[in-house]
PDB file of N, CA and C in Angstrom:
ATOM      1  N   MET A   1     115.208  80.723  69.363  1.00  0.00           N
ATOM      2  CA  MET A   1     114.648  81.574  68.342  1.00  0.00           C
ATOM      3  C   MET A   1     115.708  82.593  67.917  1.00  0.00           C
ATOM      4  N   LYS A   2     115.881  82.760  66.623  1.00  0.00           N
ATOM      5  CA  LYS A   2     116.851  83.710  66.099  1.00  0.00           C
ATOM      6  C   LYS A   2     116.234  85.103  66.061  1.00  0.00           C
ATOM      7  N   VAL A   3     116.991  86.100  66.537  1.00  0.00           N
ATOM      8  CA  VAL A   3     116.568  87.493  66.504  1.00  0.00           C
ATOM      9  C   VAL A   3     117.423  88.203  65.465  1.00  0.00           C
ATOM     10  N   SER A   4     116.774  88.818  64.474  1.00  0.00           N
ATOM     11  CA  SER A   4     117.477  89.559  63.430  1.00  0.00           C
ATOM     12  C   SER A   4     117.096  91.028  63.520  1.00  0.00           C
ATOM     13  N   ILE A   5     118.101  91.886  63.511  1.00  0.00           N
ATOM     14  CA  ILE A   5     117.880  93.331  63.506  1.00  0.00           C
ATOM     15  C   ILE A   5     118.392  93.841  62.164  1.00  0.00           C
ATOM     16  N   ILE A   6     117.524  94.511  61.421  1.00  0.00           N
ATOM     17  CA  ILE A   6     117.869  95.016  60.092  1.00  0.00           C
ATOM     18  C   ILE A   6     118.022  96.526  60.178  1.00  0.00           C
ATOM     19  N   ILE A   7     119.186  97.033  59.744  1.00  0.00           N
ATOM     20  CA  ILE A   7     119.475  98.464  59.813  1.00  0.00           C
ATOM     21  C   ILE A   7     119.734  98.985  58.397  1.00  0.00           C
ATOM     22  N   PRO A   8     118.727  99.603  57.748  1.00  0.00           N
ATOM     23  CA  PRO A   8     118.966 100.223  56.445  1.00  0.00           C
ATOM     24  C   PRO A   8     119.600 101.602  56.649  1.00  0.00           C
ATOM     25  N   CYS A   9     120.625 101.918  55.868  1.00  0.00           N
ATOM     26  CA  CYS A   9     121.279 103.224  55.980  1.00  0.00           C
ATOM     27  C   CYS A   9     121.921 103.592  54.644  1.00  0.00           C
ATOM     28  N   VAL A  10     122.208 104.873  54.477  1.00  0.00           N
ATOM     29  CA  VAL A  10     122.874 105.327  53.252  1.00  0.00           C
ATOM     30  C   VAL A  10     124.363 104.982  53.323  1.00  0.00           C
ATOM     31  N   TYR A  11     124.973 105.260  54.470  1.00  0.00           N
ATOM     32  CA  TYR A  11     126.374 104.916  54.693  1.00  0.00           C
ATOM     33  C   TYR A  11     126.575 104.664  56.182  1.00  0.00           C
ATOM     34  N   ILE A  12     127.676 104.048  56.525  1.00  0.00           N
ATOM     35  CA  ILE A  12     127.944 103.726  57.925  1.00  0.00           C
ATOM     36  C   ILE A  12     128.738 104.878  58.537  1.00  0.00           C
ATOM     37  N   ASN A  13     128.019 105.733  59.263  1.00  0.00           N
ATOM     38  CA  ASN A  13     128.652 106.873  59.927  1.00  0.00           C
ATOM     39  C   ASN A  13     128.729 106.591  61.431  1.00  0.00           C
ATOM     40  N   GLU A  14     129.100 107.600  62.218  1.00  0.00           N
ATOM     41  CA  GLU A  14     129.230 107.426  63.666  1.00  0.00           C
ATOM     42  C   GLU A  14     127.919 106.983  64.310  1.00  0.00           C
ATOM     43  N   ARG A  15     126.819 107.556  63.860  1.00  0.00           N
ATOM     44  CA  ARG A  15     125.506 107.204  64.422  1.00  0.00           C
ATOM     45  C   ARG A  15     125.172 105.739  64.130  1.00  0.00           C
ATOM     46  N   ALA A  16     125.452 105.285  62.922  1.00  0.00           N
ATOM     47  CA  ALA A  16     125.192 103.882  62.575  1.00  0.00           C
ATOM     48  C   ALA A  16     126.087 102.950  63.380  1.00  0.00           C
ATOM     49  N   VAL A  17     127.347 103.324  63.576  1.00  0.00           N
ATOM     50  CA  VAL A  17     128.271 102.514  64.368  1.00  0.00           C
ATOM     51  C   VAL A  17     127.775 102.388  65.807  1.00  0.00           C
ATOM     52  N   LYS A  18     127.297 103.486  66.376  1.00  0.00           N
ATOM     53  CA  LYS A  18     126.760 103.459  67.736  1.00  0.00           C
ATOM     54  C   LYS A  18     125.542 102.536  67.801  1.00  0.00           C
ATOM     55  N   CYS A  19     124.663 102.627  66.830  1.00  0.00           N
ATOM     56  CA  CYS A  19     123.476 101.779  66.770  1.00  0.00           C
ATOM     57  C   CYS A  19     123.875 100.299  66.682  1.00  0.00           C
ATOM     58  N   ILE A  20     124.844  99.999  65.840  1.00  0.00           N
ATOM     59  CA  ILE A  20     125.317  98.621  65.678  1.00  0.00           C
ATOM     60  C   ILE A  20     125.893  98.098  66.993  1.00  0.00           C
ATOM     61  N   ARG A  21     126.713  98.899  67.654  1.00  0.00           N
ATOM     62  CA  ARG A  21     127.297  98.487  68.944  1.00  0.00           C
ATOM     63  C   ARG A  21     126.215  98.184  69.975  1.00  0.00           C
ATOM     64  N   GLU A  22     125.227  99.065  70.060  1.00  0.00           N
ATOM     65  CA  GLU A  22     124.142  98.864  71.020  1.00  0.00           C
ATOM     66  C   GLU A  22     123.366  97.585  70.706  1.00  0.00           C
ATOM     67  N   CYS A  23     123.127  97.331  69.442  1.00  0.00           N
ATOM     68  CA  CYS A  23     122.412  96.112  69.058  1.00  0.00           C
ATOM     69  C   CYS A  23     123.212  94.868  69.431  1.00  0.00           C
ATOM     70  N   LEU A  24     124.518  94.887  69.197  1.00  0.00           N
ATOM     71  CA  LEU A  24     125.359  93.733  69.514  1.00  0.00           C
ATOM     72  C   LEU A  24     125.498  93.514  71.018  1.00  0.00           C
ATOM     73  N   ASN A  25     125.226  94.540  71.811  1.00  0.00           N
ATOM     74  CA  ASN A  25     125.289  94.408  73.273  1.00  0.00           C
ATOM     75  C   ASN A  25     124.019  93.801  73.867  1.00  0.00           C
ATOM     76  N   LEU A  26     122.984  93.591  73.062  1.00  0.00           N
ATOM     77  CA  LEU A  26     121.746  93.004  73.559  1.00  0.00           C
ATOM     78  C   LEU A  26     121.983  91.551  73.979  1.00  0.00           C
ATOM     79  N   ASN A  27     121.245  91.087  74.975  1.00  0.00           N
ATOM     80  CA  ASN A  27     121.410  89.733  75.493  1.00  0.00           C
ATOM     81  C   ASN A  27     120.460  88.755  74.809  1.00  0.00           C
ATOM     82  N   TYR A  28     120.854  88.282  73.656  1.00  0.00           N
ATOM     83  CA  TYR A  28     120.127  87.231  72.952  1.00  0.00           C
ATOM     84  C   TYR A  28     121.126  86.148  72.592  1.00  0.00           C
ATOM     85  N   ASP A  29     120.711  84.894  72.728  1.00  0.00           N
ATOM     86  CA  ASP A  29     121.609  83.787  72.417  1.00  0.00           C
ATOM     87  C   ASP A  29     121.911  83.703  70.927  1.00  0.00           C
ATOM     88  N   ASP A  30     120.895  83.908  70.111  1.00  0.00           N
ATOM     89  CA  ASP A  30     121.051  83.764  68.665  1.00  0.00           C
ATOM     90  C   ASP A  30     120.659  85.082  67.992  1.00  0.00           C
ATOM     91  N   LEU A  31     121.607  85.994  67.911  1.00  0.00           N
ATOM     92  CA  LEU A  31     121.361  87.348  67.395  1.00  0.00           C
ATOM     93  C   LEU A  31     122.152  87.571  66.123  1.00  0.00           C
ATOM     94  N   GLU A  32     121.513  88.229  65.149  1.00  0.00           N
ATOM     95  CA  GLU A  32     122.245  88.691  63.972  1.00  0.00           C
ATOM     96  C   GLU A  32     121.822  90.126  63.688  1.00  0.00           C
ATOM     97  N   VAL A  33     122.791  90.949  63.320  1.00  0.00           N
ATOM     98  CA  VAL A  33     122.539  92.336  62.947  1.00  0.00           C
ATOM     99  C   VAL A  33     122.915  92.460  61.479  1.00  0.00           C
ATOM    100  N   ILE A  34     121.958  92.889  60.667  1.00  0.00           N
ATOM    101  CA  ILE A  34     122.177  93.033  59.231  1.00  0.00           C
ATOM    102  C   ILE A  34     122.157  94.521  58.911  1.00  0.00           C
ATOM    103  N   VAL A  35     123.282  95.037  58.415  1.00  0.00           N
ATOM    104  CA  VAL A  35     123.400  96.453  58.057  1.00  0.00           C
ATOM    105  C   VAL A  35     123.379  96.544  56.534  1.00  0.00           C
ATOM    106  N   LEU A  36     122.551  97.447  56.019  1.00  0.00           N
ATOM    107  CA  LEU A  36     122.342  97.552  54.573  1.00  0.00           C
ATOM    108  C   LEU A  36     122.674  98.954  54.064  1.00  0.00           C
ATOM    109  N   PRO A  37     123.971  99.287  53.945  1.00  0.00           N
ATOM    110  CA  PRO A  37     124.338 100.597  53.400  1.00  0.00           C
ATOM    111  C   PRO A  37     124.314 100.568  51.866  1.00  0.00           C
ATOM    112  N   ASP A  38     124.258 101.770  51.268  1.00  0.00           N
ATOM    113  CA  ASP A  38     124.336 101.851  49.809  1.00  0.00           C
ATOM    114  C   ASP A  38     125.643 101.232  49.326  1.00  0.00           C
ATOM    115  N   LYS A  39     126.737 101.631  49.974  1.00  0.00           N
ATOM    116  CA  LYS A  39     128.075 101.206  49.568  1.00  0.00           C
ATOM    117  C   LYS A  39     128.996 101.332  50.778  1.00  0.00           C
ATOM    118  N   THR A  40     129.919 100.416  50.953  1.00  0.00           N
ATOM    119  CA  THR A  40     130.852 100.511  52.069  1.00  0.00           C
ATOM    120  C   THR A  40     132.108  99.702  51.795  1.00  0.00           C
ATOM    121  N   SER A  41     133.168 100.055  52.484  1.00  0.00           N
ATOM    122  CA  SER A  41     134.405  99.279  52.419  1.00  0.00           C
ATOM    123  C   SER A  41     134.675  98.613  53.762  1.00  0.00           C
ATOM    124  N   LYS A  42     133.756  98.796  54.710  1.00  0.00           N
ATOM    125  CA  LYS A  42     133.938  98.237  56.055  1.00  0.00           C
ATOM    126  C   LYS A  42     133.690  96.732  56.052  1.00  0.00           C
ATOM    127  N   LYS A  43     134.475  96.046  56.874  1.00  0.00           N
ATOM    128  CA  LYS A  43     134.337  94.603  57.062  1.00  0.00           C
ATOM    129  C   LYS A  43     133.972  94.342  58.511  1.00  0.00           C
ATOM    130  N   SER A  44     133.355  93.216  58.770  1.00  0.00           N
ATOM    131  CA  SER A  44     132.948  92.856  60.125  1.00  0.00           C
ATOM    132  C   SER A  44     133.831  91.745  60.674  1.00  0.00           C
ATOM    133  N   LYS A  45     134.264  91.903  61.919  1.00  0.00           N
ATOM    134  CA  LYS A  45     135.025  90.854  62.591  1.00  0.00           C
ATOM    135  C   LYS A  45     134.112  90.014  63.473  1.00  0.00           C
ATOM    136  N   ASP A  46     132.901  90.478  63.704  1.00  0.00           N
ATOM    137  CA  ASP A  46     131.942  89.800  64.559  1.00  0.00           C
ATOM    138  C   ASP A  46     131.041  88.911  63.702  1.00  0.00           C
ATOM    139  N   ASP A  47     130.921  87.637  64.064  1.00  0.00           N
ATOM    140  CA  ASP A  47     130.101  86.696  63.293  1.00  0.00           C
ATOM    141  C   ASP A  47     128.617  87.044  63.316  1.00  0.00           C
ATOM    142  N   ARG A  48     128.190  87.822  64.304  1.00  0.00           N
ATOM    143  CA  ARG A  48     126.773  88.184  64.415  1.00  0.00           C
ATOM    144  C   ARG A  48     126.410  89.352  63.512  1.00  0.00           C
ATOM    145  N   LEU A  49     127.394  90.000  62.902  1.00  0.00           N
ATOM    146  CA  LEU A  49     127.168  91.193  62.084  1.00  0.00           C
ATOM    147  C   LEU A  49     127.385  90.888  60.609  1.00  0.00           C
ATOM    148  N   ARG A  50     126.374  91.211  59.797  1.00  0.00           N
ATOM    149  CA  ARG A  50     126.497  91.060  58.346  1.00  0.00           C
ATOM    150  C   ARG A  50     126.293  92.423  57.700  1.00  0.00           C
ATOM    151  N   ILE A  51     127.202  92.799  56.818  1.00  0.00           N
ATOM    152  CA  ILE A  51     127.096  94.064  56.082  1.00  0.00           C
ATOM    153  C   ILE A  51     126.883  93.706  54.612  1.00  0.00           C
ATOM    154  N   ILE A  52     125.744  94.152  54.075  1.00  0.00           N
ATOM    155  CA  ILE A  52     125.381  93.833  52.696  1.00  0.00           C
ATOM    156  C   ILE A  52     125.173  95.132  51.926  1.00  0.00           C
ATOM    157  N   GLU A  53     126.020  95.392  50.945  1.00  0.00           N
ATOM    158  CA  GLU A  53     125.842  96.582  50.098  1.00  0.00           C
ATOM    159  C   GLU A  53     124.606  96.394  49.230  1.00  0.00           C
ATOM    160  N   THR A  54     123.771  97.427  49.157  1.00  0.00           N
ATOM    161  CA  THR A  54     122.516  97.316  48.413  1.00  0.00           C
ATOM    162  C   THR A  54     122.460  98.186  47.172  1.00  0.00           C
ATOM    163  N   GLY A  55     123.366  99.134  47.056  1.00  0.00           N
ATOM    164  CA  GLY A  55     123.220 100.117  45.996  1.00  0.00           C
ATOM    165  C   GLY A  55     122.217 101.163  46.451  1.00  0.00           C
ATOM    166  N   LYS A  56     121.918 102.102  45.603  1.00  0.00           N
ATOM    167  CA  LYS A  56     121.036 103.216  45.973  1.00  0.00           C
ATOM    168  C   LYS A  56     119.577 102.821  45.740  1.00  0.00           C
ATOM    169  N   VAL A  57     118.947 102.296  46.803  1.00  0.00           N
ATOM    170  CA  VAL A  57     117.526 101.923  46.757  1.00  0.00           C
ATOM    171  C   VAL A  57     116.836 102.503  47.982  1.00  0.00           C
ATOM    172  N   LYS A  58     115.520 102.505  47.981  1.00  0.00           N
ATOM    173  CA  LYS A  58     114.752 103.070  49.100  1.00  0.00           C
ATOM    174  C   LYS A  58     114.809 102.162  50.328  1.00  0.00           C
ATOM    175  N   PRO A  59     114.576 102.723  51.542  1.00  0.00           N
ATOM    176  CA  PRO A  59     114.659 101.936  52.777  1.00  0.00           C
ATOM    177  C   PRO A  59     113.769 100.691  52.788  1.00  0.00           C
ATOM    178  N   GLY A  60     112.572 100.786  52.232  1.00  0.00           N
ATOM    179  CA  GLY A  60     111.688  99.625  52.196  1.00  0.00           C
ATOM    180  C   GLY A  60     112.275  98.473  51.392  1.00  0.00           C
ATOM    181  N   VAL A  61     112.912  98.805  50.290  1.00  0.00           N
ATOM    182  CA  VAL A  61     113.566  97.795  49.458  1.00  0.00           C
ATOM    183  C   VAL A  61     114.732  97.178  50.229  1.00  0.00           C
ATOM    184  N   LYS A  62     115.476  98.027  50.950  1.00  0.00           N
ATOM    185  CA  LYS A  62     116.593  97.539  51.766  1.00  0.00           C
ATOM    186  C   LYS A  62     116.110  96.556  52.823  1.00  0.00           C
ATOM    187  N   ARG A  63     115.024  96.878  53.487  1.00  0.00           N
ATOM    188  CA  ARG A  63     114.479  95.966  54.500  1.00  0.00           C
ATOM    189  C   ARG A  63     114.091  94.629  53.865  1.00  0.00           C
ATOM    190  N   ASN A  64     113.514  94.668  52.681  1.00  0.00           N
ATOM    191  CA  ASN A  64     113.151  93.431  51.997  1.00  0.00           C
ATOM    192  C   ASN A  64     114.391  92.612  51.635  1.00  0.00           C
ATOM    193  N   ILE A  65     115.472  93.270  51.249  1.00  0.00           N
ATOM    194  CA  ILE A  65     116.730  92.584  50.973  1.00  0.00           C
ATOM    195  C   ILE A  65     117.246  91.912  52.240  1.00  0.00           C
ATOM    196  N   GLY A  66     117.111  92.585  53.362  1.00  0.00           N
ATOM    197  CA  GLY A  66     117.578  92.038  54.631  1.00  0.00           C
ATOM    198  C   GLY A  66     116.808  90.825  55.094  1.00  0.00           C
ATOM    199  N   MET A  67     115.580  90.717  54.657  1.00  0.00           N
ATOM    200  CA  MET A  67     114.755  89.575  55.078  1.00  0.00           C
ATOM    201  C   MET A  67     115.096  88.381  54.257  1.00  0.00           C
TER     202      MET A  67
END
């Protein structure tokens, strides 16, 4: 079973980075972490992490984009 964690945020700051690290440390065989900032220049080296720019929308809309 695939486990997806969706993290809506305005930008990727230290708190978001800590949250992402903790999520990636979870013990699941098939894990993906989807981060949805308004805008970012960050890239992911981890295949389990997807960063999708959403533009300036509300958190509920961001969660729907992540699904």
